[in-house]
Amino acid sequence: MARFEDLRHSLWDTGGRYGVQPPLTDQLIAEAERLLNVTLPGSLLDLLRHQNGGAVADSRNAFPTSRATSWSADHVPFDLVMGIGRHEETLSLLDSPYLVQEWGLPTAVVLVSGDGPCWIGLDHRACGRHGEPSVTWFDAELEAELTLAPNFRSFIEGLTSASDFESAHHGDVPDGPH
C-alpha cells in the first residue's frame, strides 16, 4: 500500500488538464464547506492543494472491492477526482447537491468521482456533517451502495491499477449484477 504523502504527486495523470480547476484557495475551501454544509477531509484538501482535481494516473485508477458491483466482480473505477471550483463544463465538488438530488442519492454525501449512475462519494451519514466520512460506491440505477474505505486517506492509499484485475472492463461481471 502506498503512503499518502507519496501519492499527492503520483496520483495525477500529468498528460492533460481535463477536470482540473484553478488553484485551490482558502476562500474556495470555505465557500465549498459552506455550500456543502460539511467539513471536507484534510486528506482530500491536501490532494487538491497539489492539483485541484483532474484525471488520475493509470496506476491509481481503480479500487478493489470485497464483492461484485455493477461495474465489475472485484473493483470500481476511479478515473477522476472532482476539484473545487466553477470551471465551465467540468464537474466539481460544488455540483454535489445538484447531482445527489438528480440521481436520488443520500443527501449527506459529497461526490468526489463518477459519472451517473455510478458515483464515489464522501459519506457523512454515520459521522455527521463535520466528522471524518467514509468513502462509498453508489449505483443510483440499481439503488446499490458499497462502503469502500473508512476514510478518504485510506481510500487513496488503497487505489491500484484497473489493469491489475481480470475483469478490468465494465460489464465483465460473471454471474454478477449488470
Foldseek 3Di string as FASTA:
>chain_A
DDALVVCLPQFADPPDCAQWDPADDPVLQVVLCVLLVANDDPSVVSSCNSTFKDFTDLFFFWFFDPAADQFAGTIDTRGMFHGGDCDPPHDHLSCQCVVCVVLVHDSQWGFTDDDPPKTWTFHCPVPHRYGFGFIKIARSVVRDMDGRGRHDSVRSVRGGHLVVDPGSGRPSYVVDHD
